[in-house]
């Protein structure tokens, strides 16, 4: 009888440990999903990058975001091919006293001047 209780206690401890880890992983996944959604939302603020570049930062719902752009070299030149910029969005947040980070990068064209030569 004592052996049976020992085996049952060991089994329950393992189940508790596995289920606790799953709940923790689900919480981390939710934070990463929010960070990815925020990064995509920040990228959707602009379809094109101004000639001076795009450098911005802010905070939303406990997540800090930062946007940086840099010219992206290509071999394609011509009036129909706008210059490209690599745009990187970094999202950071605190989780359990540890700073977590999510990075997203893409290419965006340089904004074309508005009619009349004005810049967007």
PDB file of N, CA and C in Angstrom:
ATOM      1  N   UNK A   1       0.825  -1.186   0.000  1.00  0.00           N
ATOM      2  CA  UNK A   1       0.000   0.000   0.000  1.00  0.00           C
ATOM      3  C   UNK A   1       0.878   1.261   0.000  1.00  0.00           C
ATOM      4  N   UNK A   2       1.957   1.252   0.758  1.00  0.00           N
ATOM      5  CA  UNK A   2       2.870   2.383   0.827  1.00  0.00           C
ATOM      6  C   UNK A   2       3.530   2.624  -0.534  1.00  0.00           C
ATOM      7  N   UNK A   3       3.901   1.560  -1.225  1.00  0.00           N
ATOM      8  CA  UNK A   3       4.509   1.677  -2.553  1.00  0.00           C
ATOM      9  C   UNK A   3       3.517   2.295  -3.537  1.00  0.00           C
ATOM     10  N   UNK A   4       2.261   1.882  -3.469  1.00  0.00           N
ATOM     11  CA  UNK A   4       1.232   2.423  -4.362  1.00  0.00           C
ATOM     12  C   UNK A   4       1.048   3.918  -4.126  1.00  0.00           C
ATOM     13  N   UNK A   5       1.017   4.361  -2.866  1.00  0.00           N
ATOM     14  CA  UNK A   5       0.884   5.783  -2.564  1.00  0.00           C
ATOM     15  C   UNK A   5       2.109   6.564  -3.036  1.00  0.00           C
ATOM     16  N   UNK A   6       3.270   5.981  -2.918  1.00  0.00           N
ATOM     17  CA  UNK A   6       4.496   6.642  -3.377  1.00  0.00           C
ATOM     18  C   UNK A   6       4.473   6.829  -4.890  1.00  0.00           C
ATOM     19  N   UNK A   7       4.056   5.801  -5.610  1.00  0.00           N
ATOM     20  CA  UNK A   7       3.968   5.893  -7.072  1.00  0.00           C
ATOM     21  C   UNK A   7       2.921   6.923  -7.461  1.00  0.00           C
ATOM     22  N   UNK A   8       1.777   6.941  -6.785  1.00  0.00           N
ATOM     23  CA  UNK A   8       0.723   7.898  -7.086  1.00  0.00           C
ATOM     24  C   UNK A   8       1.208   9.328  -6.796  1.00  0.00           C
ATOM     25  N   UNK A   9       1.901   9.548  -5.701  1.00  0.00           N
ATOM     26  CA  UNK A   9       2.412  10.881  -5.368  1.00  0.00           C
ATOM     27  C   UNK A   9       3.431  11.338  -6.402  1.00  0.00           C
ATOM     28  N   UNK A  10       4.299  10.449  -6.826  1.00  0.00           N
ATOM     29  CA  UNK A  10       5.283  10.775  -7.855  1.00  0.00           C
ATOM     30  C   UNK A  10       4.594  11.129  -9.172  1.00  0.00           C
ATOM     31  N   UNK A  11       3.583  10.375  -9.536  1.00  0.00           N
ATOM     32  CA  UNK A  11       2.833  10.630 -10.771  1.00  0.00           C
ATOM     33  C   UNK A  11       2.116  11.969 -10.715  1.00  0.00           C
ATOM     34  N   UNK A  12       1.476  12.273  -9.602  1.00  0.00           N
ATOM     35  CA  UNK A  12       0.779  13.552  -9.451  1.00  0.00           C
ATOM     36  C   UNK A  12       1.753  14.726  -9.501  1.00  0.00           C
ATOM     37  N   UNK A  13       2.932  14.561  -8.918  1.00  0.00           N
ATOM     38  CA  UNK A  13       3.941  15.616  -8.968  1.00  0.00           C
ATOM     39  C   UNK A  13       4.388  15.867 -10.401  1.00  0.00           C
ATOM     40  N   UNK A  14       4.558  14.839 -11.178  1.00  0.00           N
ATOM     41  CA  UNK A  14       4.954  14.991 -12.586  1.00  0.00           C
ATOM     42  C   UNK A  14       3.850  15.675 -13.394  1.00  0.00           C
ATOM     43  N   UNK A  15       2.614  15.285 -13.163  1.00  0.00           N
ATOM     44  CA  UNK A  15       1.483  15.902 -13.881  1.00  0.00           C
ATOM     45  C   UNK A  15       1.393  17.384 -13.523  1.00  0.00           C
ATOM     46  N   UNK A  16       1.546  17.702 -12.236  1.00  0.00           N
ATOM     47  CA  UNK A  16       1.507  19.100 -11.805  1.00  0.00           C
ATOM     48  C   UNK A  16       2.617  19.909 -12.472  1.00  0.00           C
ATOM     49  N   UNK A  17       3.801  19.342 -12.535  1.00  0.00           N
ATOM     50  CA  UNK A  17       4.941  20.021 -13.137  1.00  0.00           C
ATOM     51  C   UNK A  17       4.725  20.261 -14.632  1.00  0.00           C
ATOM     52  N   UNK A  18       4.219  19.270 -15.340  1.00  0.00           N
ATOM     53  CA  UNK A  18       3.981  19.401 -16.777  1.00  0.00           C
ATOM     54  C   UNK A  18       2.889  20.426 -17.050  1.00  0.00           C
ATOM     55  N   UNK A  19       1.798  20.383 -16.303  1.00  0.00           N
ATOM     56  CA  UNK A  19       0.703  21.325 -16.541  1.00  0.00           C
ATOM     57  C   UNK A  19       1.118  22.750 -16.179  1.00  0.00           C
ATOM     58  N   UNK A  20       1.940  22.928 -15.164  1.00  0.00           N
ATOM     59  CA  UNK A  20       2.439  24.256 -14.806  1.00  0.00           C
ATOM     60  C   UNK A  20       3.311  24.830 -15.903  1.00  0.00           C
ATOM     61  N   UNK A  21       4.158  24.015 -16.496  1.00  0.00           N
ATOM     62  CA  UNK A  21       5.009  24.454 -17.602  1.00  0.00           C
ATOM     63  C   UNK A  21       4.188  24.824 -18.818  1.00  0.00           C
ATOM     64  N   UNK A  22       3.118  24.084 -19.077  1.00  0.00           N
ATOM     65  CA  UNK A  22       2.254  24.388 -20.221  1.00  0.00           C
ATOM     66  C   UNK A  22       1.553  25.722 -20.024  1.00  0.00           C
ATOM     67  N   UNK A  23       1.090  26.005 -18.831  1.00  0.00           N
ATOM     68  CA  UNK A  23       0.421  27.277 -18.557  1.00  0.00           C
ATOM     69  C   UNK A  23       1.406  28.438 -18.712  1.00  0.00           C
ATOM     70  N   UNK A  24       2.630  28.254 -18.248  1.00  0.00           N
ATOM     71  CA  UNK A  24       3.646  29.292 -18.368  1.00  0.00           C
ATOM     72  C   UNK A  24       3.969  29.543 -19.843  1.00  0.00           C
ATOM     73  N   UNK A  25       4.107  28.480 -20.627  1.00  0.00           N
ATOM     74  CA  UNK A  25       4.386  28.621 -22.057  1.00  0.00           C
ATOM     75  C   UNK A  25       3.240  29.312 -22.777  1.00  0.00           C
ATOM     76  N   UNK A  26       2.009  29.028 -22.377  1.00  0.00           N
ATOM     77  CA  UNK A  26       0.854  29.677 -23.000  1.00  0.00           C
ATOM     78  C   UNK A  26       0.869  31.173 -22.710  1.00  0.00           C
ATOM     79  N   UNK A  27       1.272  31.574 -21.501  1.00  0.00           N
ATOM     80  CA  UNK A  27       1.372  32.989 -21.162  1.00  0.00           C
ATOM     81  C   UNK A  27       2.442  33.690 -21.980  1.00  0.00           C
ATOM     82  N   UNK A  28       3.584  33.037 -22.155  1.00  0.00           N
ATOM     83  CA  UNK A  28       4.662  33.611 -22.966  1.00  0.00           C
ATOM     84  C   UNK A  28       4.219  33.756 -24.415  1.00  0.00           C
ATOM     85  N   UNK A  29       3.526  32.759 -24.928  1.00  0.00           N
ATOM     86  CA  UNK A  29       3.051  32.805 -26.304  1.00  0.00           C
ATOM     87  C   UNK A  29       2.086  33.964 -26.506  1.00  0.00           C
ATOM     88  N   UNK A  30       1.244  34.228 -25.531  1.00  0.00           N
ATOM     89  CA  UNK A  30       0.290  35.332 -25.643  1.00  0.00           C
ATOM     90  C   UNK A  30       1.029  36.669 -25.728  1.00  0.00           C
ATOM     91  N   UNK A  31       2.093  36.837 -24.939  1.00  0.00           N
ATOM     92  CA  UNK A  31       2.879  38.075 -25.003  1.00  0.00           C
ATOM     93  C   UNK A  31       3.538  38.236 -26.374  1.00  0.00           C
ATOM     94  N   UNK A  32       4.086  37.149 -26.912  1.00  0.00           N
ATOM     95  CA  UNK A  32       4.713  37.222 -28.234  1.00  0.00           C
ATOM     96  C   UNK A  32       3.685  37.525 -29.324  1.00  0.00           C
ATOM     97  N   UNK A  33       2.472  36.999 -29.191  1.00  0.00           N
ATOM     98  CA  UNK A  33       1.420  37.303 -30.165  1.00  0.00           C
ATOM     99  C   UNK A  33       1.038  38.778 -30.105  1.00  0.00           C
ATOM    100  N   UNK A  34       0.928  39.338 -28.892  1.00  0.00           N
ATOM    101  CA  UNK A  34       0.626  40.766 -28.763  1.00  0.00           C
ATOM    102  C   UNK A  34       1.748  41.604 -29.351  1.00  0.00           C
ATOM    103  N   UNK A  35       2.997  41.203 -29.116  1.00  0.00           N
ATOM    104  CA  UNK A  35       4.141  41.939 -29.652  1.00  0.00           C
ATOM    105  C   UNK A  35       4.145  41.901 -31.181  1.00  0.00           C
ATOM    106  N   UNK A  36       3.837  40.743 -31.762  1.00  0.00           N
ATOM    107  CA  UNK A  36       3.800  40.628 -33.222  1.00  0.00           C
ATOM    108  C   UNK A  36       2.691  41.496 -33.800  1.00  0.00           C
ATOM    109  N   UNK A  37       1.540  41.522 -33.164  1.00  0.00           N
ATOM    110  CA  UNK A  37       0.425  42.337 -33.630  1.00  0.00           C
ATOM    111  C   UNK A  37       0.772  43.825 -33.537  1.00  0.00           C
ATOM    112  N   UNK A  38       1.426  44.227 -32.452  1.00  0.00           N
ATOM    113  CA  UNK A  38       1.840  45.618 -32.310  1.00  0.00           C
ATOM    114  C   UNK A  38       2.872  45.989 -33.372  1.00  0.00           C
ATOM    115  N   UNK A  39       3.834  45.112 -33.638  1.00  0.00           N
ATOM    116  CA  UNK A  39       4.855  45.387 -34.659  1.00  0.00           C
ATOM    117  C   UNK A  39       4.217  45.567 -36.031  1.00  0.00           C
ATOM    118  N   UNK A  40       3.267  44.715 -36.373  1.00  0.00           N
ATOM    119  CA  UNK A  40       2.580  44.849 -37.659  1.00  0.00           C
ATOM    120  C   UNK A  40       1.757  46.130 -37.711  1.00  0.00           C
ATOM    121  N   UNK A  41       1.138  46.496 -36.606  1.00  0.00           N
ATOM    122  CA  UNK A  41       0.355  47.735 -36.563  1.00  0.00           C
ATOM    123  C   UNK A  41       1.246  48.959 -36.745  1.00  0.00           C
ATOM    124  N   UNK A  42       2.412  48.953 -36.112  1.00  0.00           N
ATOM    125  CA  UNK A  42       3.346  50.070 -36.270  1.00  0.00           C
ATOM    126  C   UNK A  42       3.811  50.158 -37.717  1.00  0.00           C
ATOM    127  N   UNK A  43       4.111  49.020 -38.331  1.00  0.00           N
ATOM    128  CA  UNK A  43       4.526  49.036 -39.738  1.00  0.00           C
ATOM    129  C   UNK A  43       3.428  49.581 -40.645  1.00  0.00           C
ATOM    130  N   UNK A  44       2.184  49.334 -40.288  1.00  0.00           N
ATOM    131  CA  UNK A  44       1.068  49.805 -41.111  1.00  0.00           C
ATOM    132  C   UNK A  44       0.818  51.303 -40.982  1.00  0.00           C
ATOM    133  N   UNK A  45       1.568  51.991 -40.110  1.00  0.00           N
ATOM    134  CA  UNK A  45       1.422  53.439 -40.001  1.00  0.00           C
ATOM    135  C   UNK A  45       1.869  54.132 -41.282  1.00  0.00           C
ATOM    136  N   UNK A  46       2.802  53.528 -41.997  1.00  0.00           N
ATOM    137  CA  UNK A  46       3.336  54.127 -43.230  1.00  0.00           C
ATOM    138  C   UNK A  46       3.505  53.073 -44.307  1.00  0.00           C
ATOM    139  N   UNK A  47       3.120  53.448 -45.510  1.00  0.00           N
ATOM    140  CA  UNK A  47       3.334  52.563 -46.658  1.00  0.00           C
ATOM    141  C   UNK A  47       4.702  52.787 -47.282  1.00  0.00           C
ATOM    142  N   UNK A  48       5.257  53.986 -47.053  1.00  0.00           N
ATOM    143  CA  UNK A  48       6.544  54.334 -47.645  1.00  0.00           C
ATOM    144  C   UNK A  48       7.355  55.109 -46.608  1.00  0.00           C
ATOM    145  N   UNK A  49       8.670  55.131 -46.800  1.00  0.00           N
ATOM    146  CA  UNK A  49       9.593  55.780 -45.866  1.00  0.00           C
ATOM    147  C   UNK A  49       9.969  57.151 -46.424  1.00  0.00           C
ATOM    148  N   UNK A  50       9.912  58.210 -45.600  1.00  0.00           N
ATOM    149  CA  UNK A  50      10.346  59.528 -46.081  1.00  0.00           C
ATOM    150  C   UNK A  50      11.821  59.514 -46.470  1.00  0.00           C
ATOM    151  N   UNK A  51      12.240  60.413 -47.343  1.00  0.00           N
ATOM    152  CA  UNK A  51      13.651  60.435 -47.759  1.00  0.00           C
ATOM    153  C   UNK A  51      14.633  60.567 -46.589  1.00  0.00           C
ATOM    154  N   UNK A  52      14.218  61.195 -45.499  1.00  0.00           N
ATOM    155  CA  UNK A  52      15.102  61.350 -44.339  1.00  0.00           C
ATOM    156  C   UNK A  52      15.146  60.099 -43.473  1.00  0.00           C
ATOM    157  N   UNK A  53      14.336  59.097 -43.787  1.00  0.00           N
ATOM    158  CA  UNK A  53      14.301  57.866 -43.000  1.00  0.00           C
ATOM    159  C   UNK A  53      13.146  57.869 -42.021  1.00  0.00           C
ATOM    160  N   UNK A  54      12.978  56.753 -41.324  1.00  0.00           N
ATOM    161  CA  UNK A  54      11.885  56.603 -40.359  1.00  0.00           C
ATOM    162  C   UNK A  54      12.477  56.115 -39.054  1.00  0.00           C
ATOM    163  N   UNK A  55      12.538  56.997 -38.074  1.00  0.00           N
ATOM    164  CA  UNK A  55      13.039  56.673 -36.740  1.00  0.00           C
ATOM    165  C   UNK A  55      12.001  57.179 -35.745  1.00  0.00           C
ATOM    166  N   UNK A  56      11.408  56.264 -35.015  1.00  0.00           N
ATOM    167  CA  UNK A  56      10.326  56.623 -34.115  1.00  0.00           C
ATOM    168  C   UNK A  56      10.295  55.630 -32.956  1.00  0.00           C
ATOM    169  N   UNK A  57       9.647  56.006 -31.868  1.00  0.00           N
ATOM    170  CA  UNK A  57       9.483  55.100 -30.743  1.00  0.00           C
ATOM    171  C   UNK A  57       8.255  55.497 -29.961  1.00  0.00           C
ATOM    172  N   UNK A  58       7.766  54.564 -29.153  1.00  0.00           N
ATOM    173  CA  UNK A  58       6.591  54.835 -28.353  1.00  0.00           C
ATOM    174  C   UNK A  58       6.315  53.686 -27.403  1.00  0.00           C
ATOM    175  N   UNK A  59       5.163  53.768 -26.749  1.00  0.00           N
ATOM    176  CA  UNK A  59       4.764  52.737 -25.799  1.00  0.00           C
ATOM    177  C   UNK A  59       3.276  52.500 -25.945  1.00  0.00           C
ATOM    178  N   UNK A  60       2.887  51.238 -25.814  1.00  0.00           N
ATOM    179  CA  UNK A  60       1.478  50.877 -25.929  1.00  0.00           C
ATOM    180  C   UNK A  60       1.197  49.649 -25.069  1.00  0.00           C
ATOM    181  N   UNK A  61       0.301  49.786 -24.107  1.00  0.00           N
ATOM    182  CA  UNK A  61      -0.174  48.673 -23.278  1.00  0.00           C
ATOM    183  C   UNK A  61       0.962  47.870 -22.634  1.00  0.00           C
ATOM    184  N   UNK A  62       1.985  48.565 -22.143  1.00  0.00           N
ATOM    185  CA  UNK A  62       3.084  47.882 -21.478  1.00  0.00           C
ATOM    186  C   UNK A  62       4.171  47.376 -22.404  1.00  0.00           C
ATOM    187  N   UNK A  63       4.035  47.606 -23.693  1.00  0.00           N
ATOM    188  CA  UNK A  63       5.039  47.212 -24.686  1.00  0.00           C
ATOM    189  C   UNK A  63       5.711  48.479 -25.206  1.00  0.00           C
ATOM    190  N   UNK A  64       7.035  48.476 -25.270  1.00  0.00           N
ATOM    191  CA  UNK A  64       7.765  49.591 -25.862  1.00  0.00           C
ATOM    192  C   UNK A  64       8.140  49.208 -27.289  1.00  0.00           C
ATOM    193  N   UNK A  65       7.954  50.137 -28.221  1.00  0.00           N
ATOM    194  CA  UNK A  65       8.304  49.851 -29.604  1.00  0.00           C
ATOM    195  C   UNK A  65       9.261  50.915 -30.139  1.00  0.00           C
ATOM    196  N   UNK A  66      10.056  50.482 -31.103  1.00  0.00           N
ATOM    197  CA  UNK A  66      11.040  51.362 -31.717  1.00  0.00           C
ATOM    198  C   UNK A  66      11.151  50.998 -33.194  1.00  0.00           C
ATOM    199  N   UNK A  67      11.149  52.019 -34.052  1.00  0.00           N
ATOM    200  CA  UNK A  67      11.276  51.824 -35.501  1.00  0.00           C
ATOM    201  C   UNK A  67      12.556  52.493 -35.963  1.00  0.00           C
ATOM    202  N   UNK A  68      13.331  51.772 -36.740  1.00  0.00           N
ATOM    203  CA  UNK A  68      14.555  52.309 -37.341  1.00  0.00           C
ATOM    204  C   UNK A  68      14.586  51.903 -38.814  1.00  0.00           C
ATOM    205  N   UNK A  69      15.071  52.815 -39.645  1.00  0.00           N
ATOM    206  CA  UNK A  69      15.192  52.484 -41.064  1.00  0.00           C
ATOM    207  C   UNK A  69      16.591  52.823 -41.550  1.00  0.00           C
ATOM    208  N   UNK A  70      16.997  52.140 -42.593  1.00  0.00           N
ATOM    209  CA  UNK A  70      18.296  52.377 -43.218  1.00  0.00           C
ATOM    210  C   UNK A  70      18.162  52.077 -44.705  1.00  0.00           C
ATOM    211  N   UNK A  71      18.854  52.826 -45.551  1.00  0.00           N
ATOM    212  CA  UNK A  71      18.792  52.540 -46.987  1.00  0.00           C
ATOM    213  C   UNK A  71      19.214  51.100 -47.270  1.00  0.00           C
ATOM    214  N   UNK A  72      18.519  50.479 -48.209  1.00  0.00           N
ATOM    215  CA  UNK A  72      18.806  49.099 -48.585  1.00  0.00           C
ATOM    216  C   UNK A  72      19.399  49.108 -49.990  1.00  0.00           C
ATOM    217  N   UNK A  73      20.660  48.713 -50.117  1.00  0.00           N
ATOM    218  CA  UNK A  73      21.300  48.767 -51.439  1.00  0.00           C
ATOM    219  C   UNK A  73      20.743  47.699 -52.389  1.00  0.00           C
ATOM    220  N   UNK A  74      20.466  48.130 -53.619  1.00  0.00           N
ATOM    221  CA  UNK A  74      20.017  47.202 -54.660  1.00  0.00           C
ATOM    222  C   UNK A  74      20.761  47.528 -55.949  1.00  0.00           C
ATOM    223  N   UNK A  75      20.719  46.599 -56.874  1.00  0.00           N
ATOM    224  CA  UNK A  75      21.335  46.808 -58.183  1.00  0.00           C
ATOM    225  C   UNK A  75      20.330  47.363 -59.189  1.00  0.00           C
ATOM    226  N   UNK A  76      19.092  47.554 -58.745  1.00  0.00           N
ATOM    227  CA  UNK A  76      18.035  48.043 -59.636  1.00  0.00           C
ATOM    228  C   UNK A  76      18.001  49.560 -59.560  1.00  0.00           C
ATOM    229  N   UNK A  77      18.168  50.208 -60.696  1.00  0.00           N
ATOM    230  CA  UNK A  77      18.123  51.665 -60.767  1.00  0.00           C
ATOM    231  C   UNK A  77      17.184  52.077 -61.882  1.00  0.00           C
ATOM    232  N   UNK A  78      16.694  53.280 -61.794  1.00  0.00           N
ATOM    233  CA  UNK A  78      15.829  53.790 -62.837  1.00  0.00           C
ATOM    234  C   UNK A  78      14.699  54.607 -62.240  1.00  0.00           C
ATOM    235  N   UNK A  79      14.016  55.374 -63.091  1.00  0.00           N
ATOM    236  CA  UNK A  79      12.956  56.249 -62.585  1.00  0.00           C
ATOM    237  C   UNK A  79      11.746  55.485 -62.034  1.00  0.00           C
ATOM    238  N   UNK A  80      11.521  54.270 -62.497  1.00  0.00           N
ATOM    239  CA  UNK A  80      10.362  53.501 -62.044  1.00  0.00           C
ATOM    240  C   UNK A  80      10.654  52.723 -60.770  1.00  0.00           C
ATOM    241  N   UNK A  81      11.917  52.610 -60.381  1.00  0.00           N
ATOM    242  CA  UNK A  81      12.296  51.828 -59.200  1.00  0.00           C
ATOM    243  C   UNK A  81      12.678  52.777 -58.057  1.00  0.00           C
ATOM    244  N   UNK A  82      11.808  52.930 -57.076  1.00  0.00           N
ATOM    245  CA  UNK A  82      12.149  53.824 -55.964  1.00  0.00           C
ATOM    246  C   UNK A  82      13.223  53.189 -55.079  1.00  0.00           C
ATOM    247  N   UNK A  83      14.004  54.015 -54.416  1.00  0.00           N
ATOM    248  CA  UNK A  83      14.981  53.466 -53.460  1.00  0.00           C
ATOM    249  C   UNK A  83      14.257  52.702 -52.355  1.00  0.00           C
ATOM    250  N   UNK A  84      14.897  51.653 -51.860  1.00  0.00           N
ATOM    251  CA  UNK A  84      14.302  50.847 -50.796  1.00  0.00           C
ATOM    252  C   UNK A  84      14.973  51.136 -49.459  1.00  0.00           C
ATOM    253  N   UNK A  85      14.191  50.956 -48.395  1.00  0.00           N
ATOM    254  CA  UNK A  85      14.685  51.087 -47.028  1.00  0.00           C
ATOM    255  C   UNK A  85      14.376  49.801 -46.279  1.00  0.00           C
ATOM    256  N   UNK A  86      15.331  49.359 -45.466  1.00  0.00           N
ATOM    257  CA  UNK A  86      15.053  48.265 -44.549  1.00  0.00           C
ATOM    258  C   UNK A  86      14.490  48.893 -43.278  1.00  0.00           C
ATOM    259  N   UNK A  87      13.294  48.478 -42.908  1.00  0.00           N
ATOM    260  CA  UNK A  87      12.613  49.013 -41.729  1.00  0.00           C
ATOM    261  C   UNK A  87      12.578  47.917 -40.670  1.00  0.00           C
ATOM    262  N   UNK A  88      13.109  48.216 -39.491  1.00  0.00           N
ATOM    263  CA  UNK A  88      13.138  47.251 -38.391  1.00  0.00           C
ATOM    264  C   UNK A  88      12.306  47.782 -37.232  1.00  0.00           C
ATOM    265  N   UNK A  89      11.397  46.949 -36.746  1.00  0.00           N
ATOM    266  CA  UNK A  89      10.576  47.285 -35.587  1.00  0.00           C
ATOM    267  C   UNK A  89      10.983  46.351 -34.455  1.00  0.00           C
ATOM    268  N   UNK A  90      11.294  46.932 -33.290  1.00  0.00           N
ATOM    269  CA  UNK A  90      11.641  46.148 -32.105  1.00  0.00           C
ATOM    270  C   UNK A  90      10.598  46.416 -31.029  1.00  0.00           C
ATOM    271  N   UNK A  91      10.077  45.347 -30.457  1.00  0.00           N
ATOM    272  CA  UNK A  91       9.100  45.437 -29.381  1.00  0.00           C
ATOM    273  C   UNK A  91       9.742  44.814 -28.140  1.00  0.00           C
ATOM    274  N   UNK A  92       9.704  45.517 -27.011  1.00  0.00           N
ATOM    275  CA  UNK A  92      10.236  44.973 -25.759  1.00  0.00           C
ATOM    276  C   UNK A  92       9.176  45.090 -24.675  1.00  0.00           C
ATOM    277  N   UNK A  93       9.222  44.148 -23.727  1.00  0.00           N
ATOM    278  CA  UNK A  93       8.312  44.157 -22.588  1.00  0.00           C
ATOM    279  C   UNK A  93       8.952  43.379 -21.448  1.00  0.00           C
ATOM    280  N   UNK A  94       8.441  43.603 -20.251  1.00  0.00           N
ATOM    281  CA  UNK A  94       8.928  42.883 -19.085  1.00  0.00           C
ATOM    282  C   UNK A  94       8.003  41.719 -18.781  1.00  0.00           C
ATOM    283  N   UNK A  95       8.602  40.569 -18.538  1.00  0.00           N
ATOM    284  CA  UNK A  95       7.835  39.374 -18.197  1.00  0.00           C
ATOM    285  C   UNK A  95       8.573  38.635 -17.092  1.00  0.00           C
ATOM    286  N   UNK A  96       7.990  38.624 -15.916  1.00  0.00           N
ATOM    287  CA  UNK A  96       8.628  37.943 -14.792  1.00  0.00           C
ATOM    288  C   UNK A  96       9.957  38.560 -14.405  1.00  0.00           C
ATOM    289  N   UNK A  97      10.087  39.889 -14.557  1.00  0.00           N
ATOM    290  CA  UNK A  97      11.330  40.565 -14.207  1.00  0.00           C
ATOM    291  C   UNK A  97      12.399  40.480 -15.281  1.00  0.00           C
ATOM    292  N   UNK A  98      12.110  39.815 -16.390  1.00  0.00           N
ATOM    293  CA  UNK A  98      13.061  39.674 -17.486  1.00  0.00           C
ATOM    294  C   UNK A  98      12.549  40.436 -18.709  1.00  0.00           C
ATOM    295  N   UNK A  99      13.445  41.170 -19.372  1.00  0.00           N
ATOM    296  CA  UNK A  99      13.040  41.883 -20.574  1.00  0.00           C
ATOM    297  C   UNK A  99      13.014  40.922 -21.759  1.00  0.00           C
ATOM    298  N   UNK A 100      11.880  40.879 -22.437  1.00  0.00           N
ATOM    299  CA  UNK A 100      11.718  40.046 -23.633  1.00  0.00           C
ATOM    300  C   UNK A 100      11.703  40.969 -24.844  1.00  0.00           C
ATOM    301  N   UNK A 101      12.010  40.398 -26.019  1.00  0.00           N
ATOM    302  CA  UNK A 101      12.117  41.212 -27.235  1.00  0.00           C
ATOM    303  C   UNK A 101      11.570  40.447 -28.434  1.00  0.00           C
ATOM    304  N   UNK A 102      10.907  41.192 -29.315  1.00  0.00           N
ATOM    305  CA  UNK A 102      10.419  40.658 -30.584  1.00  0.00           C
ATOM    306  C   UNK A 102      10.857  41.630 -31.666  1.00  0.00           C
ATOM    307  N   UNK A 103      11.494  41.135 -32.720  1.00  0.00           N
ATOM    308  CA  UNK A 103      11.979  41.969 -33.820  1.00  0.00           C
ATOM    309  C   UNK A 103      11.293  41.573 -35.118  1.00  0.00           C
ATOM    310  N   UNK A 104      10.970  42.581 -35.914  1.00  0.00           N
ATOM    311  CA  UNK A 104      10.356  42.367 -37.220  1.00  0.00           C
ATOM    312  C   UNK A 104      11.025  43.310 -38.205  1.00  0.00           C
ATOM    313  N   UNK A 105      11.433  42.808 -39.351  1.00  0.00           N
ATOM    314  CA  UNK A 105      12.092  43.639 -40.365  1.00  0.00           C
ATOM    315  C   UNK A 105      11.443  43.396 -41.714  1.00  0.00           C
ATOM    316  N   UNK A 106      11.396  44.459 -42.524  1.00  0.00           N
ATOM    317  CA  UNK A 106      10.828  44.373 -43.865  1.00  0.00           C
ATOM    318  C   UNK A 106      11.453  45.454 -44.729  1.00  0.00           C
ATOM    319  N   UNK A 107      11.119  45.449 -45.997  1.00  0.00           N
ATOM    320  CA  UNK A 107      11.565  46.482 -46.925  1.00  0.00           C
ATOM    321  C   UNK A 107      10.378  47.361 -47.303  1.00  0.00           C
ATOM    322  N   UNK A 108      10.623  48.660 -47.378  1.00  0.00           N
ATOM    323  CA  UNK A 108       9.603  49.610 -47.800  1.00  0.00           C
ATOM    324  C   UNK A 108      10.236  50.568 -48.806  1.00  0.00           C
ATOM    325  N   UNK A 109       9.444  51.045 -49.793  1.00  0.00           N
ATOM    326  CA  UNK A 109       9.992  52.003 -50.756  1.00  0.00           C
ATOM    327  C   UNK A 109      10.086  53.397 -50.141  1.00  0.00           C
ATOM    328  N   UNK A 110      10.918  54.207 -50.749  1.00  0.00           N
ATOM    329  CA  UNK A 110      10.996  55.613 -50.344  1.00  0.00           C
ATOM    330  C   UNK A 110       9.759  56.319 -50.864  1.00  0.00           C
ATOM    331  N   UNK A 111       9.216  57.229 -50.076  1.00  0.00           N
ATOM    332  CA  UNK A 111       8.018  57.974 -50.471  1.00  0.00           C
ATOM    333  C   UNK A 111       8.336  58.874 -51.655  1.00  0.00           C
ATOM    334  N   UNK A 112       7.414  58.930 -52.592  1.00  0.00           N
ATOM    335  CA  UNK A 112       7.574  59.817 -53.741  1.00  0.00           C
ATOM    336  C   UNK A 112       7.048  61.205 -53.370  1.00  0.00           C
ATOM    337  N   UNK A 113       7.629  62.258 -53.934  1.00  0.00           N
ATOM    338  CA  UNK A 113       7.143  63.605 -53.632  1.00  0.00           C
ATOM    339  C   UNK A 113       5.686  63.772 -54.074  1.00  0.00           C
ATOM    340  N   UNK A 114       4.966  64.589 -53.339  1.00  0.00           N
ATOM    341  CA  UNK A 114       3.579  64.891 -53.689  1.00  0.00           C
ATOM    342  C   UNK A 114       3.566  65.861 -54.875  1.00  0.00           C
ATOM    343  N   UNK A 115       2.445  65.954 -55.571  1.00  0.00           N
ATOM    344  CA  UNK A 115       2.371  66.926 -56.675  1.00  0.00           C
ATOM    345  C   UNK A 115       2.732  68.321 -56.180  1.00  0.00           C
ATOM    346  N   UNK A 116       3.508  69.024 -56.970  1.00  0.00           N
ATOM    347  CA  UNK A 116       3.971  70.346 -56.575  1.00  0.00           C
ATOM    348  C   UNK A 116       5.322  70.319 -55.891  1.00  0.00           C
ATOM    349  N   UNK A 117       5.928  69.110 -55.797  1.00  0.00           N
ATOM    350  CA  UNK A 117       7.265  68.976 -55.225  1.00  0.00           C
ATOM    351  C   UNK A 117       7.319  68.904 -53.718  1.00  0.00           C
ATOM    352  N   UNK A 118       6.146  68.865 -53.050  1.00  0.00           N
ATOM    353  CA  UNK A 118       6.121  68.767 -51.592  1.00  0.00           C
ATOM    354  C   UNK A 118       6.488  67.361 -51.159  1.00  0.00           C
ATOM    355  N   UNK A 119       7.078  67.270 -49.989  1.00  0.00           N
ATOM    356  CA  UNK A 119       7.432  65.964 -49.426  1.00  0.00           C
ATOM    357  C   UNK A 119       6.286  65.464 -48.569  1.00  0.00           C
ATOM    358  N   UNK A 120       6.043  64.146 -48.548  1.00  0.00           N
ATOM    359  CA  UNK A 120       4.946  63.598 -47.727  1.00  0.00           C
ATOM    360  C   UNK A 120       5.236  63.708 -46.247  1.00  0.00           C
TER     361      UNK A 120
END
